[in-house]
Amino acid sequence: MDVFEIKNKELVEELMARRSEHRFPVQIRSAAKRFAHELLAVLFPHFTDHIQDSASQLDSEIQKLEATLRDILGSLSDIYPKSPECVVRTFIDNLPSIYHALLLDAKAIYHGDPAAVSVDEVILGYPGFYAIAIHRAAHELYKLKFPLLPRLLAEHAHHHTGIDIHPGATIGRSFFIDHGTGIVIGETALIGNGVKFYQGVTLGALVVQKHLSNRKRHPTIGDNVVVYANATILGGETEVGHDSVVGGNAWITESIPAFSIVGRNSDVRPRKPGAEADIEFNI
């Protein structure tokens, strides 16, 4: 005779039946966080408690990262039958390109923010850098078609920084997120090189319907565009032309020509090439 009385028998039975349907490893969230920590510690000593004393020690850390990724992907083999070994090898081989892309991001933040005193400070303490660092890794895994881990990495960065970047978003070189809280970048967004976003910027879909999941739903942002706080840009066909400036709280659902300034009331006027955005906008 069972000494424990089940007071909510029907609910317990239904929940137990549901649990048996789920095949996700119970530690997948914590494993994703561990992977993010190990990745950043390999790429930058700023994220570890010690600086590696030898090449062999650093190589051991890379092998540890590789093993963690292999274990995570192996635990998902029932859901995603693609060979994890191929994914692991490709991702590790892409670490140099991820590293060099992140150095450009850190330098862009340093050169673009008068308050930054060094690139090291940016890497150590800027949430925008942390968010883009996790995104560049998650995006590589997303392209390798293991969707769950990239999504968990993105949500880890979102929780840590308040910046929500879907791992499918394609982001060019030297990306600068200033402050960052509340930024949302959708799955099919395309962002060029040298772009700068302030807090609260949204790159979203103009129409949210499930049958559009395989279409481009989010905007394209050209090179050297500055988007100020709380601007909302929507639609897969919407393009913001290169070297444009989008003002705070602007609402954009149609394409903007290159070298434009979009004001707070979403009025569009030409911009003088090479002019400083902050001077033109008087902010």
Protein backbone atom coordinates (compact mmCIF):
# COMPACT_ATOMS: atom_id res chain seq x y z
CA MET A 1 0.00 0.00 0.00
CA ASP A 2 1.34 3.42 -1.03
CA VAL A 3 1.89 5.57 2.07
CA PHE A 4 1.56 8.77 -0.02
CA GLU A 5 -1.87 9.94 -1.06
CA ILE A 6 -2.09 11.61 -4.46
CA LYS A 7 -4.53 14.47 -3.94
CA ASN A 8 -4.61 15.67 -7.57
CA LYS A 9 -4.77 12.32 -9.27
CA GLU A 10 -6.25 13.36 -12.63
CA LEU A 11 -3.87 16.27 -13.04
CA VAL A 12 -0.86 14.17 -12.03
CA GLU A 13 -1.82 11.44 -14.50
CA GLU A 14 -2.18 13.92 -17.35
CA LEU A 15 1.09 15.67 -16.55
CA MET A 16 2.93 12.37 -16.28
CA ALA A 17 1.60 11.36 -19.68
CA ARG A 18 2.75 14.65 -21.15
CA ARG A 19 6.21 14.31 -19.61
CA SER A 20 6.68 10.95 -21.26
CA GLU A 21 6.18 12.64 -24.64
CA HIS A 22 9.05 15.08 -24.18
CA ARG A 23 12.50 13.92 -25.16
CA PHE A 24 14.59 16.93 -24.28
CA PRO A 25 17.51 16.26 -21.92
CA VAL A 26 16.73 17.61 -18.48
CA GLN A 27 20.05 19.50 -18.24
CA ILE A 28 19.95 21.11 -21.68
CA ARG A 29 19.54 24.69 -20.39
CA SER A 30 22.43 24.47 -17.94
CA ALA A 31 24.54 22.74 -20.59
CA ALA A 32 23.89 25.60 -23.02
CA LYS A 33 25.01 28.13 -20.39
CA ARG A 34 28.14 26.08 -19.70
CA PHE A 35 28.91 25.97 -23.41
CA ALA A 36 28.54 29.77 -23.67
CA HIS A 37 30.92 30.26 -20.74
CA GLU A 38 33.51 27.82 -22.09
CA LEU A 39 33.32 29.38 -25.56
CA LEU A 40 33.94 32.93 -24.37
CA ALA A 41 36.69 31.75 -21.99
CA VAL A 42 38.48 30.10 -24.91
CA LEU A 43 38.23 33.18 -27.14
CA PHE A 44 38.94 35.87 -24.53
CA PRO A 45 40.79 35.62 -21.20
CA HIS A 46 38.38 38.29 -19.92
CA PHE A 47 35.82 35.52 -19.33
CA THR A 48 38.03 33.19 -17.33
CA ASP A 49 39.63 33.32 -13.89
CA HIS A 50 43.08 32.74 -15.29
CA ILE A 51 45.13 33.37 -18.40
CA GLN A 52 46.46 30.20 -19.99
CA ASP A 53 50.19 29.80 -19.33
CA SER A 54 50.89 27.62 -22.35
CA ALA A 55 49.59 26.72 -25.78
CA SER A 56 48.92 23.17 -24.58
CA GLN A 57 46.69 24.44 -21.76
CA LEU A 58 44.69 26.59 -24.15
CA ASP A 59 44.40 23.67 -26.55
CA SER A 60 43.02 21.61 -23.67
CA GLU A 61 40.35 24.26 -23.12
CA ILE A 62 39.41 24.08 -26.79
CA GLN A 63 39.13 20.29 -26.52
CA LYS A 64 36.94 20.74 -23.44
CA LEU A 65 34.67 23.07 -25.41
CA GLU A 66 34.56 20.57 -28.24
CA ALA A 67 33.60 17.78 -25.84
CA THR A 68 30.84 19.90 -24.29
CA LEU A 69 29.36 20.66 -27.70
CA ARG A 70 29.60 16.99 -28.71
CA ASP A 71 27.79 15.93 -25.53
CA ILE A 72 25.02 18.49 -26.03
CA LEU A 73 24.43 17.56 -29.64
CA GLY A 74 24.66 13.86 -28.82
CA SER A 75 21.94 14.27 -26.19
CA LEU A 76 19.68 15.71 -28.90
CA SER A 77 20.25 12.89 -31.40
CA ASP A 78 16.72 11.51 -30.96
CA ILE A 79 15.30 14.87 -32.02
CA TYR A 80 17.86 15.96 -34.62
CA PRO A 81 19.31 12.90 -36.35
CA LYS A 82 22.05 14.82 -38.17
CA SER A 83 25.54 13.61 -37.22
CA PRO A 84 26.80 15.73 -34.31
CA GLU A 85 30.44 15.03 -35.20
CA CYS A 86 30.12 16.92 -38.48
CA VAL A 87 28.57 19.89 -36.67
CA VAL A 88 31.21 19.87 -33.93
CA ARG A 89 34.11 19.76 -36.36
CA THR A 90 32.72 22.53 -38.56
CA PHE A 91 31.99 24.77 -35.57
CA ILE A 92 35.47 24.33 -34.07
CA ASP A 93 37.04 25.03 -37.46
CA ASN A 94 35.04 28.28 -37.60
CA LEU A 95 36.30 29.55 -34.23
CA PRO A 96 39.04 31.72 -35.82
CA SER A 97 36.51 33.58 -37.98
CA ILE A 98 34.19 34.05 -34.98
CA TYR A 99 37.10 35.40 -32.94
CA HIS A 100 38.23 37.90 -35.59
CA ALA A 101 34.64 39.07 -36.17
CA LEU A 102 34.25 39.72 -32.45
CA LEU A 103 37.48 41.70 -32.31
CA LEU A 104 36.05 43.99 -34.99
CA ASP A 105 32.84 44.34 -32.97
CA ALA A 106 34.79 45.24 -29.82
CA LYS A 107 36.87 47.81 -31.70
CA ALA A 108 33.75 49.30 -33.29
CA ILE A 109 32.22 49.76 -29.84
CA TYR A 110 35.41 51.29 -28.46
CA HIS A 111 35.82 53.75 -31.33
CA GLY A 112 32.11 54.59 -31.40
CA ASP A 113 31.55 55.22 -27.70
CA PRO A 114 33.30 58.25 -26.15
CA ALA A 115 32.79 56.67 -22.70
CA ALA A 116 34.82 53.55 -23.54
CA VAL A 117 38.40 53.75 -22.26
CA SER A 118 39.73 50.56 -23.88
CA VAL A 119 38.82 47.54 -25.97
CA ASP A 120 39.41 45.43 -22.85
CA GLU A 121 36.71 47.38 -21.01
CA VAL A 122 34.31 46.72 -23.88
CA ILE A 123 34.96 42.98 -23.77
CA LEU A 124 34.78 42.85 -19.99
CA GLY A 125 31.74 44.96 -19.31
CA TYR A 126 29.61 45.91 -22.30
CA PRO A 127 26.34 43.99 -22.64
CA GLY A 128 26.23 44.76 -26.35
CA PHE A 129 29.50 42.94 -26.88
CA TYR A 130 28.33 39.95 -24.82
CA ALA A 131 25.11 39.71 -26.83
CA ILE A 132 26.83 39.83 -30.22
CA ALA A 133 29.51 37.37 -29.04
CA ILE A 134 26.88 34.78 -28.14
CA HIS A 135 24.96 35.56 -31.32
CA ARG A 136 27.90 34.97 -33.65
CA ALA A 137 28.42 31.52 -32.13
CA ALA A 138 24.69 30.73 -32.11
CA HIS A 139 24.38 31.84 -35.74
CA GLU A 140 27.10 29.41 -36.82
CA LEU A 141 25.24 26.56 -35.13
CA TYR A 142 21.95 27.77 -36.60
CA LYS A 143 23.42 27.52 -40.10
CA LEU A 144 24.46 23.94 -39.29
CA LYS A 145 20.77 23.14 -38.63
CA PHE A 146 20.83 22.30 -34.94
CA PRO A 147 18.13 24.81 -33.96
CA LEU A 148 17.56 24.06 -30.28
CA LEU A 149 21.04 24.88 -28.95
CA PRO A 150 21.31 28.20 -30.85
CA ARG A 151 17.91 29.22 -29.51
CA LEU A 152 18.94 28.40 -25.94
CA LEU A 153 22.17 30.36 -26.39
CA ALA A 154 20.19 33.34 -27.69
CA GLU A 155 17.84 33.17 -24.72
CA HIS A 156 20.82 32.96 -22.35
CA ALA A 157 22.20 36.18 -23.84
CA HIS A 158 18.73 37.74 -23.73
CA HIS A 159 18.40 36.93 -20.03
CA HIS A 160 21.91 38.19 -19.34
CA THR A 161 21.71 41.46 -21.31
CA GLY A 162 18.10 42.29 -22.20
CA ILE A 163 19.06 42.05 -25.89
CA ASP A 164 17.02 39.57 -27.95
CA ILE A 165 18.71 38.48 -31.19
CA HIS A 166 17.32 35.47 -33.01
CA PRO A 167 20.18 33.13 -33.99
CA GLY A 168 18.99 33.19 -37.59
CA ALA A 169 19.65 36.92 -38.01
CA THR A 170 22.58 37.73 -40.29
CA ILE A 171 24.81 40.50 -38.94
CA GLY A 172 27.78 42.05 -40.73
CA ARG A 173 31.15 43.16 -39.42
CA SER A 174 31.81 45.84 -36.80
CA PHE A 175 28.34 45.78 -35.22
CA PHE A 176 27.86 48.26 -32.38
CA ILE A 177 25.06 47.89 -29.83
CA ASP A 178 25.07 50.89 -27.47
CA HIS A 179 23.32 50.31 -24.12
CA GLY A 180 21.16 47.66 -25.76
CA THR A 181 18.34 46.92 -23.33
CA GLY A 182 15.16 46.01 -25.18
CA ILE A 183 16.68 45.49 -28.62
CA VAL A 184 14.84 42.85 -30.67
CA ILE A 185 16.26 41.50 -33.94
CA GLY A 186 14.15 38.95 -35.80
CA GLU A 187 15.15 35.71 -37.48
CA THR A 188 15.38 36.87 -41.09
CA ALA A 189 16.87 40.31 -40.47
CA LEU A 190 19.91 41.24 -42.54
CA ILE A 191 22.29 43.82 -41.06
CA GLY A 192 25.24 45.23 -42.99
CA ASN A 193 28.70 46.31 -41.88
CA GLY A 194 29.42 49.15 -39.49
CA VAL A 195 25.86 49.41 -38.15
CA LYS A 196 25.05 51.01 -34.80
CA PHE A 197 21.91 50.35 -32.71
CA TYR A 198 20.78 52.06 -29.54
CA GLN A 199 18.47 50.61 -26.89
CA GLY A 200 14.94 49.52 -27.71
CA VAL A 201 15.41 49.13 -31.47
CA THR A 202 13.11 46.53 -33.06
CA LEU A 203 13.62 44.77 -36.38
CA GLY A 204 10.33 42.93 -36.61
CA ALA A 205 7.80 41.37 -38.96
CA LEU A 206 5.06 43.48 -40.49
CA VAL A 207 2.67 40.54 -40.53
CA VAL A 208 2.90 37.75 -37.94
CA GLN A 209 1.43 34.57 -39.42
CA LYS A 210 2.73 31.03 -39.05
CA HIS A 211 2.54 30.18 -42.76
CA LEU A 212 5.13 32.91 -43.44
CA SER A 213 7.79 31.11 -41.39
CA ASN A 214 9.90 30.23 -44.45
CA ARG A 215 9.83 33.74 -45.93
CA LYS A 216 11.92 36.81 -45.22
CA ARG A 217 9.85 38.65 -42.62
CA HIS A 218 12.32 41.13 -41.13
CA PRO A 219 14.06 44.23 -42.50
CA THR A 220 17.38 44.70 -44.25
CA ILE A 221 19.72 47.35 -42.82
CA GLY A 222 22.46 48.68 -45.08
CA ASP A 223 26.07 49.43 -44.22
CA ASN A 224 26.95 52.27 -41.82
CA VAL A 225 23.37 52.86 -40.66
CA VAL A 226 22.68 54.38 -37.23
CA VAL A 227 19.36 53.55 -35.56
CA TYR A 228 18.52 55.53 -32.44
CA ALA A 229 16.58 54.46 -29.37
CA ASN A 230 13.17 52.79 -29.63
CA ALA A 231 12.93 52.97 -33.41
CA THR A 232 10.76 50.24 -34.94
CA ILE A 233 11.49 48.91 -38.42
CA LEU A 234 9.15 46.26 -39.79
CA GLY A 235 8.73 44.03 -42.83
CA GLY A 236 10.76 41.65 -44.93
CA GLU A 237 10.72 43.96 -47.95
CA THR A 238 11.72 47.02 -45.92
CA GLU A 239 15.26 48.21 -46.57
CA VAL A 240 17.10 51.03 -44.86
CA GLY A 241 19.69 52.27 -47.34
CA HIS A 242 23.35 52.52 -46.44
CA ASP A 243 24.70 55.53 -44.53
CA SER A 244 21.25 56.51 -43.27
CA VAL A 245 20.22 57.70 -39.80
CA VAL A 246 16.97 56.60 -38.18
CA GLY A 247 15.75 58.82 -35.35
CA GLY A 248 14.47 57.72 -31.98
CA ASN A 249 10.89 56.40 -31.85
CA ALA A 250 10.62 56.33 -35.65
CA TRP A 251 8.11 53.85 -37.15
CA ILE A 252 9.24 52.48 -40.52
CA THR A 253 7.36 50.03 -42.73
CA GLU A 254 8.65 51.15 -46.13
CA SER A 255 12.12 51.26 -47.62
CA ILE A 256 14.37 54.26 -47.05
CA PRO A 257 16.91 55.44 -49.68
CA ALA A 258 20.62 55.52 -48.96
CA PHE A 259 21.93 58.67 -47.28
CA SER A 260 18.60 59.48 -45.62
CA ILE A 261 17.61 60.89 -42.26
CA VAL A 262 14.37 59.62 -40.75
CA GLY A 263 12.98 61.96 -38.09
CA ARG A 264 10.90 61.20 -35.07
CA ASN A 265 7.70 61.61 -37.06
CA SER A 266 9.10 59.20 -39.69
CA ASP A 267 9.63 62.05 -42.17
CA VAL A 268 12.49 61.32 -44.57
CA ARG A 269 14.99 63.90 -45.84
CA PRO A 270 18.35 63.62 -47.61
CA ARG A 271 21.50 63.34 -45.56
CA LYS A 272 24.84 64.90 -46.51
CA PRO A 273 27.37 62.08 -47.06
CA GLY A 274 30.05 62.05 -44.40
CA ALA A 275 28.19 64.28 -41.96
CA GLU A 276 28.14 63.28 -38.30
CA ALA A 277 24.80 61.74 -37.31
CA ASP A 278 24.69 63.30 -33.84
CA ILE A 279 25.39 66.80 -35.20
CA GLU A 280 22.72 66.54 -37.87
CA PHE A 281 20.15 65.25 -35.45
CA ASN A 282 20.95 67.73 -32.68
CA ILE A 283 20.70 65.08 -29.95
